Amino acid sequence: MYSATFIFDTKQFDAEFHRLDALIAEAAKATDGYLGEESWEDPKTGRVSNVYYWQSELGLKQLIEHPSHQEAKKRYSEWLSGYQVIISQVLRTYGDKTMDHPAAT
């Protein structure tokens, strides 16, 4: 399993940001092996973290190459004051099976 974590600090979002964000979300869900996603926001700083999960690296690569993602990447400074992306191969997951989660095994 692979995950991509997109961590960012926000500026001001506009209609164009929301349009691209929706297109990227649709594109992610249409990629091969997409398992799901989750999002977190730190109420103190406003920092946001979106985590996407895939069965293999193929879907992640498809999202990276998608035209909407490429457009947003070129224009990120209009909406974000900084970002970090972390691509990970998940070695294992575990839990008590009571929580619905994209990485639950």
N, C-alpha and C. Protein backbone atom coordinates (compact mmCIF):
# COMPACT_ATOMS: atom_id res chain seq x y z
N MET A 1 0.85 -1.16 0.00
CA MET A 1 0.00 0.00 0.00
C MET A 1 0.90 1.23 0.00
N TYR A 2 0.42 2.30 -0.64
CA TYR A 2 1.13 3.57 -0.69
C TYR A 2 0.23 4.68 -0.15
N SER A 3 0.85 5.69 0.41
CA SER A 3 0.10 6.87 0.84
C SER A 3 0.84 8.10 0.38
N ALA A 4 0.08 9.15 0.15
CA ALA A 4 0.63 10.47 -0.16
C ALA A 4 -0.01 11.44 0.83
N THR A 5 0.83 12.11 1.59
CA THR A 5 0.36 13.09 2.57
C THR A 5 0.72 14.47 2.05
N PHE A 6 -0.29 15.30 1.89
CA PHE A 6 -0.12 16.67 1.41
C PHE A 6 -0.42 17.60 2.58
N ILE A 7 0.61 18.25 3.09
CA ILE A 7 0.49 19.13 4.25
C ILE A 7 0.68 20.57 3.75
N PHE A 8 -0.23 21.46 4.14
CA PHE A 8 -0.10 22.83 3.64
C PHE A 8 -0.63 23.88 4.60
N ASP A 9 -0.08 25.07 4.45
CA ASP A 9 -0.54 26.26 5.15
C ASP A 9 -1.33 27.09 4.14
N THR A 10 -2.48 27.54 4.55
CA THR A 10 -3.38 28.21 3.62
C THR A 10 -3.19 29.72 3.59
N LYS A 11 -3.57 30.29 2.45
CA LYS A 11 -3.77 31.73 2.29
C LYS A 11 -5.28 31.91 2.17
N GLN A 12 -5.70 32.55 1.10
CA GLN A 12 -7.13 32.75 0.84
C GLN A 12 -7.55 31.86 -0.33
N PHE A 13 -8.59 31.04 -0.12
CA PHE A 13 -9.12 30.21 -1.20
C PHE A 13 -10.17 31.01 -1.97
N ASP A 14 -10.23 30.75 -3.28
CA ASP A 14 -11.23 31.39 -4.13
C ASP A 14 -11.98 30.31 -4.91
N ALA A 15 -12.87 30.75 -5.78
CA ALA A 15 -13.68 29.80 -6.55
C ALA A 15 -12.81 28.89 -7.42
N GLU A 16 -11.74 29.42 -7.97
CA GLU A 16 -10.85 28.61 -8.82
C GLU A 16 -10.15 27.53 -8.01
N PHE A 17 -9.75 27.83 -6.79
CA PHE A 17 -9.15 26.81 -5.92
C PHE A 17 -10.15 25.69 -5.68
N HIS A 18 -11.37 26.04 -5.31
CA HIS A 18 -12.38 25.02 -5.01
C HIS A 18 -12.72 24.19 -6.24
N ARG A 19 -12.72 24.81 -7.42
CA ARG A 19 -12.98 24.07 -8.66
C ARG A 19 -11.88 23.03 -8.89
N LEU A 20 -10.62 23.47 -8.81
CA LEU A 20 -9.51 22.54 -9.01
C LEU A 20 -9.46 21.47 -7.93
N ASP A 21 -9.72 21.85 -6.69
CA ASP A 21 -9.72 20.90 -5.59
C ASP A 21 -10.74 19.79 -5.83
N ALA A 22 -11.92 20.16 -6.31
CA ALA A 22 -12.96 19.16 -6.60
C ALA A 22 -12.54 18.25 -7.75
N LEU A 23 -11.92 18.83 -8.78
CA LEU A 23 -11.45 18.02 -9.91
C LEU A 23 -10.36 17.04 -9.48
N ILE A 24 -9.46 17.49 -8.61
CA ILE A 24 -8.39 16.62 -8.14
C ILE A 24 -8.96 15.50 -7.27
N ALA A 25 -9.94 15.81 -6.44
CA ALA A 25 -10.57 14.78 -5.61
C ALA A 25 -11.24 13.72 -6.49
N GLU A 26 -11.94 14.15 -7.54
CA GLU A 26 -12.56 13.21 -8.48
C GLU A 26 -11.50 12.36 -9.18
N ALA A 27 -10.42 13.02 -9.59
CA ALA A 27 -9.34 12.30 -10.29
C ALA A 27 -8.70 11.26 -9.38
N ALA A 28 -8.48 11.61 -8.12
CA ALA A 28 -7.89 10.65 -7.18
C ALA A 28 -8.77 9.42 -7.04
N LYS A 29 -10.06 9.63 -6.90
CA LYS A 29 -10.99 8.50 -6.73
C LYS A 29 -11.06 7.61 -7.96
N ALA A 30 -10.72 8.16 -9.14
CA ALA A 30 -10.78 7.40 -10.38
C ALA A 30 -9.48 6.67 -10.70
N THR A 31 -8.45 6.86 -9.89
CA THR A 31 -7.17 6.21 -10.17
C THR A 31 -7.21 4.73 -9.78
N ASP A 32 -6.30 3.98 -10.39
CA ASP A 32 -6.20 2.54 -10.10
C ASP A 32 -5.82 2.31 -8.64
N GLY A 33 -6.56 1.47 -7.96
CA GLY A 33 -6.22 1.06 -6.61
C GLY A 33 -6.47 2.08 -5.52
N TYR A 34 -7.25 3.13 -5.82
CA TYR A 34 -7.57 4.14 -4.81
C TYR A 34 -8.33 3.48 -3.65
N LEU A 35 -7.87 3.72 -2.43
CA LEU A 35 -8.51 3.12 -1.25
C LEU A 35 -9.31 4.12 -0.43
N GLY A 36 -8.91 5.38 -0.46
CA GLY A 36 -9.62 6.39 0.32
C GLY A 36 -8.68 7.50 0.75
N GLU A 37 -9.23 8.38 1.55
CA GLU A 37 -8.47 9.54 2.02
C GLU A 37 -9.02 10.03 3.34
N GLU A 38 -8.24 10.86 3.98
CA GLU A 38 -8.69 11.53 5.20
C GLU A 38 -8.02 12.89 5.27
N SER A 39 -8.58 13.78 6.04
CA SER A 39 -8.07 15.14 6.12
C SER A 39 -8.08 15.61 7.57
N TRP A 40 -7.06 16.37 7.93
CA TRP A 40 -6.93 16.90 9.28
C TRP A 40 -6.58 18.37 9.22
N GLU A 41 -7.06 19.14 10.18
CA GLU A 41 -6.68 20.55 10.28
C GLU A 41 -6.34 20.87 11.73
N ASP A 42 -5.22 21.57 11.92
CA ASP A 42 -4.82 22.02 13.24
C ASP A 42 -5.55 23.34 13.51
N PRO A 43 -6.47 23.36 14.47
CA PRO A 43 -7.24 24.58 14.71
C PRO A 43 -6.39 25.76 15.19
N LYS A 44 -5.25 25.50 15.77
CA LYS A 44 -4.38 26.58 16.25
C LYS A 44 -3.65 27.28 15.11
N THR A 45 -3.19 26.50 14.14
CA THR A 45 -2.37 27.08 13.07
C THR A 45 -3.09 27.15 11.73
N GLY A 46 -4.16 26.38 11.56
CA GLY A 46 -4.84 26.31 10.27
C GLY A 46 -4.15 25.38 9.29
N ARG A 47 -3.07 24.74 9.70
CA ARG A 47 -2.36 23.81 8.82
C ARG A 47 -3.25 22.60 8.53
N VAL A 48 -3.24 22.19 7.26
CA VAL A 48 -4.10 21.10 6.79
C VAL A 48 -3.23 19.94 6.33
N SER A 49 -3.70 18.73 6.57
CA SER A 49 -3.03 17.52 6.11
C SER A 49 -4.06 16.61 5.45
N ASN A 50 -3.85 16.32 4.18
CA ASN A 50 -4.68 15.38 3.44
C ASN A 50 -3.86 14.14 3.15
N VAL A 51 -4.41 12.97 3.48
CA VAL A 51 -3.70 11.71 3.25
C VAL A 51 -4.54 10.86 2.30
N TYR A 52 -3.91 10.43 1.20
CA TYR A 52 -4.56 9.57 0.21
C TYR A 52 -3.89 8.21 0.28
N TYR A 53 -4.67 7.14 0.03
CA TYR A 53 -4.16 5.77 0.10
C TYR A 53 -4.46 5.03 -1.21
N TRP A 54 -3.47 4.23 -1.66
CA TRP A 54 -3.62 3.39 -2.85
C TRP A 54 -3.07 2.00 -2.58
N GLN A 55 -3.59 1.03 -3.31
CA GLN A 55 -3.08 -0.34 -3.21
C GLN A 55 -1.67 -0.45 -3.77
N SER A 56 -1.37 0.34 -4.80
CA SER A 56 -0.03 0.30 -5.42
C SER A 56 0.38 1.71 -5.82
N GLU A 57 1.58 1.82 -6.29
CA GLU A 57 2.11 3.12 -6.69
C GLU A 57 1.50 3.63 -7.99
N LEU A 58 0.89 2.76 -8.76
CA LEU A 58 0.31 3.15 -10.05
C LEU A 58 -0.71 4.27 -9.91
N GLY A 59 -1.66 4.12 -9.01
CA GLY A 59 -2.69 5.14 -8.83
C GLY A 59 -2.11 6.47 -8.38
N LEU A 60 -1.15 6.43 -7.51
CA LEU A 60 -0.48 7.65 -7.06
C LEU A 60 0.16 8.36 -8.24
N LYS A 61 0.85 7.64 -9.09
CA LYS A 61 1.47 8.23 -10.28
C LYS A 61 0.42 8.81 -11.22
N GLN A 62 -0.72 8.12 -11.35
CA GLN A 62 -1.79 8.63 -12.21
C GLN A 62 -2.30 9.98 -11.70
N LEU A 63 -2.44 10.11 -10.39
CA LEU A 63 -2.90 11.38 -9.84
C LEU A 63 -1.85 12.47 -10.05
N ILE A 64 -0.60 12.17 -9.82
CA ILE A 64 0.47 13.16 -9.99
C ILE A 64 0.49 13.68 -11.42
N GLU A 65 0.23 12.81 -12.39
CA GLU A 65 0.27 13.18 -13.80
C GLU A 65 -1.03 13.79 -14.32
N HIS A 66 -2.09 13.78 -13.53
CA HIS A 66 -3.38 14.29 -13.99
C HIS A 66 -3.29 15.79 -14.28
N PRO A 67 -3.91 16.25 -15.38
CA PRO A 67 -3.82 17.67 -15.76
C PRO A 67 -4.30 18.64 -14.67
N SER A 68 -5.35 18.31 -13.94
CA SER A 68 -5.84 19.20 -12.88
C SER A 68 -4.81 19.32 -11.76
N HIS A 69 -4.16 18.21 -11.43
CA HIS A 69 -3.11 18.24 -10.41
C HIS A 69 -1.93 19.09 -10.89
N GLN A 70 -1.55 18.92 -12.14
CA GLN A 70 -0.44 19.69 -12.70
C GLN A 70 -0.76 21.19 -12.70
N GLU A 71 -1.99 21.54 -13.04
CA GLU A 71 -2.39 22.95 -13.02
C GLU A 71 -2.33 23.53 -11.61
N ALA A 72 -2.87 22.80 -10.65
CA ALA A 72 -2.86 23.26 -9.26
C ALA A 72 -1.42 23.41 -8.75
N LYS A 73 -0.56 22.51 -9.14
CA LYS A 73 0.83 22.55 -8.70
C LYS A 73 1.51 23.83 -9.21
N LYS A 74 1.20 24.22 -10.43
CA LYS A 74 1.79 25.44 -11.00
C LYS A 74 1.27 26.70 -10.30
N ARG A 75 0.05 26.63 -9.78
CA ARG A 75 -0.60 27.82 -9.23
C ARG A 75 -0.69 27.82 -7.71
N TYR A 76 -0.01 26.87 -7.03
CA TYR A 76 -0.18 26.71 -5.59
C TYR A 76 0.06 27.99 -4.80
N SER A 77 0.99 28.83 -5.23
CA SER A 77 1.34 30.03 -4.45
C SER A 77 0.19 31.04 -4.38
N GLU A 78 -0.81 30.89 -5.23
CA GLU A 78 -2.00 31.76 -5.15
C GLU A 78 -2.83 31.45 -3.91
N TRP A 79 -2.77 30.19 -3.44
CA TRP A 79 -3.66 29.74 -2.38
C TRP A 79 -2.96 29.22 -1.13
N LEU A 80 -1.69 28.85 -1.28
CA LEU A 80 -0.96 28.26 -0.16
C LEU A 80 0.27 29.10 0.18
N SER A 81 0.58 29.16 1.46
CA SER A 81 1.79 29.87 1.86
C SER A 81 2.95 28.90 2.11
N GLY A 82 2.73 27.64 1.87
CA GLY A 82 3.77 26.63 1.96
C GLY A 82 3.17 25.24 1.96
N TYR A 83 3.95 24.26 1.50
CA TYR A 83 3.45 22.88 1.49
C TYR A 83 4.59 21.89 1.59
N GLN A 84 4.24 20.68 1.96
CA GLN A 84 5.15 19.55 2.02
C GLN A 84 4.37 18.31 1.59
N VAL A 85 4.98 17.48 0.76
CA VAL A 85 4.36 16.23 0.33
C VAL A 85 5.23 15.08 0.81
N ILE A 86 4.60 14.08 1.39
CA ILE A 86 5.31 12.90 1.88
C ILE A 86 4.70 11.68 1.21
N ILE A 87 5.51 10.98 0.42
CA ILE A 87 5.09 9.76 -0.27
C ILE A 87 5.65 8.58 0.53
N SER A 88 4.78 7.66 0.91
CA SER A 88 5.20 6.55 1.77
C SER A 88 4.71 5.21 1.24
N GLN A 89 5.53 4.20 1.45
CA GLN A 89 5.08 2.84 1.24
C GLN A 89 4.72 2.32 2.63
N VAL A 90 3.48 1.86 2.78
CA VAL A 90 2.99 1.40 4.08
C VAL A 90 3.43 -0.04 4.28
N LEU A 91 4.16 -0.27 5.33
CA LEU A 91 4.66 -1.61 5.62
C LEU A 91 3.62 -2.47 6.30
N ARG A 92 2.83 -1.88 7.17
CA ARG A 92 1.77 -2.63 7.85
C ARG A 92 0.80 -1.64 8.48
N THR A 93 -0.39 -2.13 8.72
CA THR A 93 -1.39 -1.38 9.46
C THR A 93 -2.03 -2.35 10.46
N TYR A 94 -2.53 -1.82 11.53
CA TYR A 94 -3.23 -2.65 12.50
C TYR A 94 -4.14 -1.78 13.34
N GLY A 95 -5.08 -2.40 13.99
CA GLY A 95 -6.03 -1.72 14.85
C GLY A 95 -6.98 -2.73 15.45
N ASP A 96 -7.99 -2.21 16.12
CA ASP A 96 -8.93 -3.12 16.78
C ASP A 96 -10.15 -3.46 15.91
N LYS A 97 -10.12 -3.03 14.65
CA LYS A 97 -11.16 -3.34 13.66
C LYS A 97 -12.50 -2.64 13.92
N THR A 98 -12.57 -1.73 14.88
CA THR A 98 -13.83 -1.03 15.15
C THR A 98 -13.93 0.29 14.40
N MET A 99 -12.86 0.73 13.77
CA MET A 99 -12.81 2.02 13.10
C MET A 99 -12.75 1.84 11.59
N ASP A 100 -13.64 2.48 10.88
CA ASP A 100 -13.62 2.45 9.43
C ASP A 100 -12.48 3.36 8.95
N HIS A 101 -11.52 2.79 8.22
CA HIS A 101 -10.37 3.56 7.76
C HIS A 101 -9.89 2.98 6.43
N PRO A 102 -9.44 3.84 5.49
CA PRO A 102 -9.00 3.34 4.19
C PRO A 102 -7.86 2.33 4.28
N ALA A 103 -7.02 2.41 5.29
CA ALA A 103 -5.89 1.50 5.41
C ALA A 103 -6.16 0.30 6.31
N ALA A 104 -7.38 0.16 6.79
CA ALA A 104 -7.69 -0.95 7.70
C ALA A 104 -7.53 -2.27 6.97
N THR A 105 -6.87 -3.20 7.64
CA THR A 105 -6.67 -4.52 7.02
C THR A 105 -7.43 -5.57 7.80
